[in-house]
Amino acid sequence: MQTGFARLAPFSGYKGIFLLSILILLLIAVLTAVDQFIKMTVITNLKPIGSVTCIPGLLEFRYLENNGAAFGFFAGLSWLLIILTIGLMAALLVFLFRYKHHTWMSRTSCVLIIAGGIGNLIDRFIFGYVVDYIHVLFFPYVFNFADCCVVVGAILFAVWYLFFKDKKEAADKKVNEPTETTANGVGK
């Protein structure tokens, strides 16, 4: 019976599962590092000047210290956000490595949400706030790369859950069912 990661052809067997797990953790680390690199660049170059217009009337980079959640919600509740983020990241890591019916979409969504969550969690631990810098002018909030990862990951997860999860589980169940045999031992 193949489970979870074992259904991916190049990642079959225990060695393949181990390699896929390493690849997933590496992707999380790379996305988190990209987020932190961008934020350090923003602190160094954008904080002193405040904002830079990239596309007039559409996009600007604006330095903002956000002590709330994504898009500034729950401002001033850093301790609660830290606890919730750690809990959610732990739950997603368990789900990522224990659930047996993943698709590329469910794995990708978990990687994005975890990386974005860790990126913003690092900010909360180091600064006490999250560094935001992307401002699309028709959208009232300022956000960052980690927020983008979380939002895209959440959308992918919702799409997977609503449209693909049950189909994948049913298909896996069908593949893993023992075949019926006739009286002479030959499958039907």
Protein backbone atom coordinates (compact mmCIF):
# COMPACT_ATOMS: atom_id res chain seq x y z
CA MET A 1 0.00 0.00 0.00
CA GLN A 2 1.45 3.34 -1.02
CA THR A 3 0.76 6.28 1.22
CA GLY A 4 1.36 10.03 1.23
CA PHE A 5 4.61 10.90 -0.44
CA ALA A 6 5.22 7.40 -1.81
CA ARG A 7 2.86 7.91 -4.73
CA LEU A 8 5.24 10.33 -6.42
CA ALA A 9 7.24 8.16 -8.83
CA PRO A 10 10.70 9.72 -8.31
CA PHE A 11 10.07 9.81 -4.58
CA SER A 12 9.02 6.22 -3.92
CA GLY A 13 10.18 4.18 -0.97
CA TYR A 14 11.66 5.45 2.26
CA LYS A 15 14.59 7.13 0.53
CA GLY A 16 12.20 9.00 -1.78
CA ILE A 17 9.98 10.07 1.10
CA PHE A 18 13.05 11.35 2.92
CA LEU A 19 14.22 13.27 -0.17
CA LEU A 20 10.78 14.81 -0.73
CA SER A 21 10.65 15.84 2.93
CA ILE A 22 14.06 17.48 2.62
CA LEU A 23 12.94 19.25 -0.57
CA ILE A 24 9.80 20.57 1.15
CA LEU A 25 11.77 21.83 4.16
CA LEU A 26 14.33 23.40 1.81
CA LEU A 27 11.56 25.23 -0.09
CA ILE A 28 10.16 26.54 3.18
CA ALA A 29 13.63 27.72 4.20
CA VAL A 30 14.29 29.38 0.82
CA LEU A 31 10.97 31.24 0.80
CA THR A 32 11.53 32.35 4.40
CA ALA A 33 15.06 33.52 3.52
CA VAL A 34 13.76 35.46 0.50
CA ASP A 35 11.20 37.16 2.75
CA GLN A 36 13.85 38.08 5.33
CA PHE A 37 16.29 39.31 2.67
CA ILE A 38 13.63 41.58 1.17
CA LYS A 39 12.70 42.92 4.61
CA MET A 40 16.34 43.65 5.50
CA THR A 41 16.70 45.46 2.16
CA VAL A 42 13.55 47.46 2.92
CA ILE A 43 14.80 48.37 6.41
CA THR A 44 18.17 49.43 5.05
CA ASN A 45 17.01 51.32 1.95
CA LEU A 46 13.33 52.22 2.32
CA LYS A 47 12.95 53.01 6.01
CA PRO A 48 15.11 56.17 5.81
CA ILE A 49 13.04 57.64 2.94
CA GLY A 50 9.57 56.26 3.74
CA SER A 51 8.22 55.40 0.30
CA VAL A 52 9.09 55.07 -3.37
CA THR A 53 6.55 55.19 -6.21
CA CYS A 54 7.14 52.44 -8.76
CA ILE A 55 4.08 52.76 -10.99
CA PRO A 56 2.34 56.11 -10.43
CA GLY A 57 -1.27 55.64 -9.34
CA LEU A 58 -0.83 51.87 -8.95
CA LEU A 59 2.15 50.64 -6.92
CA GLU A 60 4.49 52.05 -4.35
CA PHE A 61 6.87 50.63 -1.79
CA ARG A 62 6.16 52.13 1.61
CA TYR A 63 7.87 51.26 4.88
CA LEU A 64 5.37 50.31 7.58
CA GLU A 65 5.79 48.71 11.00
CA ASN A 66 2.73 46.49 11.44
CA ASN A 67 2.06 45.30 14.99
CA GLY A 68 -1.07 43.42 13.90
CA ALA A 69 -1.79 40.40 11.72
CA ALA A 70 -1.99 40.39 7.92
CA PHE A 71 -3.16 43.75 6.61
CA GLY A 72 -3.00 45.26 10.11
CA PHE A 73 -5.84 43.26 11.67
CA PHE A 74 -5.60 42.56 15.43
CA ALA A 75 -3.11 45.39 16.05
CA GLY A 76 -1.44 45.30 19.44
CA LEU A 77 -2.01 41.60 20.09
CA SER A 78 1.51 40.40 19.23
CA TRP A 79 1.64 37.75 21.98
CA LEU A 80 -1.63 36.22 20.76
CA LEU A 81 -0.48 36.35 17.13
CA ILE A 82 2.79 34.64 18.06
CA ILE A 83 0.97 31.81 19.87
CA LEU A 84 -1.57 31.38 17.05
CA THR A 85 1.17 31.42 14.40
CA ILE A 86 3.28 28.82 16.21
CA GLY A 87 0.21 26.61 16.68
CA LEU A 88 -0.85 26.92 13.05
CA MET A 89 2.68 26.26 11.74
CA ALA A 90 2.96 23.16 13.94
CA ALA A 91 -0.44 21.87 12.80
CA LEU A 92 0.42 22.46 9.15
CA LEU A 93 3.78 20.71 9.50
CA VAL A 94 2.05 17.69 11.05
CA PHE A 95 -0.56 17.75 8.29
CA LEU A 96 2.13 18.13 5.62
CA PHE A 97 4.06 15.08 6.76
CA ARG A 98 1.27 12.83 8.07
CA TYR A 99 -1.63 13.25 5.64
CA LYS A 100 -1.64 10.44 3.09
CA HIS A 101 -3.54 11.93 0.14
CA HIS A 102 -1.56 15.00 -0.90
CA THR A 103 -1.55 16.58 -4.33
CA TRP A 104 0.92 19.17 -5.58
CA MET A 105 -1.67 21.81 -4.65
CA SER A 106 -2.05 20.73 -1.02
CA ARG A 107 1.73 20.47 -0.56
CA THR A 108 2.37 23.81 -2.25
CA SER A 109 -0.29 25.54 -0.18
CA CYS A 110 1.22 24.21 3.05
CA VAL A 111 4.74 25.23 2.01
CA LEU A 112 3.58 28.77 1.19
CA ILE A 113 1.55 29.22 4.39
CA ILE A 114 4.32 27.83 6.60
CA ALA A 115 7.05 29.93 4.94
CA GLY A 116 4.98 33.11 5.15
CA GLY A 117 4.03 32.42 8.75
CA ILE A 118 7.63 31.79 9.75
CA GLY A 119 8.80 34.93 7.92
CA ASN A 120 6.38 37.14 9.82
CA LEU A 121 7.02 35.25 13.08
CA ILE A 122 10.73 36.04 12.81
CA ASP A 123 9.85 39.74 12.51
CA ARG A 124 7.62 39.59 15.58
CA PHE A 125 10.39 37.96 17.63
CA ILE A 126 13.16 40.29 16.43
CA PHE A 127 11.36 43.64 16.13
CA GLY A 128 8.03 43.22 17.92
CA TYR A 129 6.26 44.06 14.66
CA VAL A 130 6.15 42.91 11.02
CA VAL A 131 7.85 44.94 8.31
CA ASP A 132 5.37 45.68 5.49
CA TYR A 133 6.30 47.46 2.28
CA ILE A 134 4.06 46.66 -0.73
CA HIS A 135 1.24 49.13 -1.31
CA VAL A 136 -1.07 48.61 -4.26
CA LEU A 137 -2.78 51.99 -4.32
CA PHE A 138 -6.32 50.76 -5.02
CA PHE A 139 -6.00 48.39 -2.03
CA PRO A 140 -6.00 50.15 1.37
CA TYR A 141 -3.46 47.88 3.07
CA VAL A 142 0.33 47.62 3.00
CA PHE A 143 1.66 44.05 2.99
CA ASN A 144 4.81 42.00 2.37
CA PHE A 145 6.12 38.92 0.58
CA ALA A 146 5.26 36.66 3.55
CA ASP A 147 1.66 37.92 3.48
CA CYS A 148 1.52 37.11 -0.23
CA CYS A 149 2.76 33.57 0.49
CA VAL A 150 0.11 33.08 3.19
CA VAL A 151 -2.74 34.46 1.07
CA VAL A 152 -1.81 32.51 -2.07
CA GLY A 153 -1.28 29.39 0.05
CA ALA A 154 -4.65 29.82 1.76
CA ILE A 155 -6.42 30.25 -1.60
CA LEU A 156 -4.70 27.15 -3.00
CA PHE A 157 -5.61 25.20 0.14
CA ALA A 158 -9.27 26.26 -0.10
CA VAL A 159 -9.43 25.30 -3.79
CA TRP A 160 -7.78 21.94 -3.06
CA TYR A 161 -10.08 21.25 -0.11
CA LEU A 162 -13.27 22.23 -1.93
CA PHE A 163 -12.59 20.67 -5.34
CA PHE A 164 -9.82 18.06 -5.19
CA LYS A 165 -9.48 16.55 -1.70
CA ASP A 166 -12.40 14.11 -1.88
CA LYS A 167 -11.56 13.05 -5.43
CA LYS A 168 -7.95 12.34 -4.47
CA GLU A 169 -8.96 10.36 -1.39
CA ALA A 170 -11.47 8.31 -3.42
CA ALA A 171 -8.89 7.65 -6.14
CA ASP A 172 -6.29 6.59 -3.57
CA LYS A 173 -8.82 4.32 -1.88
CA LYS A 174 -9.63 2.70 -5.22
CA VAL A 175 -5.93 2.19 -6.03
CA ASN A 176 -5.24 0.67 -2.61
CA GLU A 177 -8.24 -1.70 -2.55
CA PRO A 178 -7.36 -5.36 -3.02
CA THR A 179 -8.46 -6.70 -6.37
CA GLU A 180 -11.28 -9.21 -6.49
CA THR A 181 -10.34 -12.70 -7.52
CA THR A 182 -12.32 -15.47 -9.06
CA ALA A 183 -12.47 -19.03 -7.79
CA ASN A 184 -9.30 -19.90 -9.69
CA GLY A 185 -7.34 -17.02 -8.09
CA VAL A 186 -7.22 -14.81 -11.20
CA GLY A 187 -8.30 -11.19 -10.88
CA LYS A 188 -11.48 -10.04 -12.60
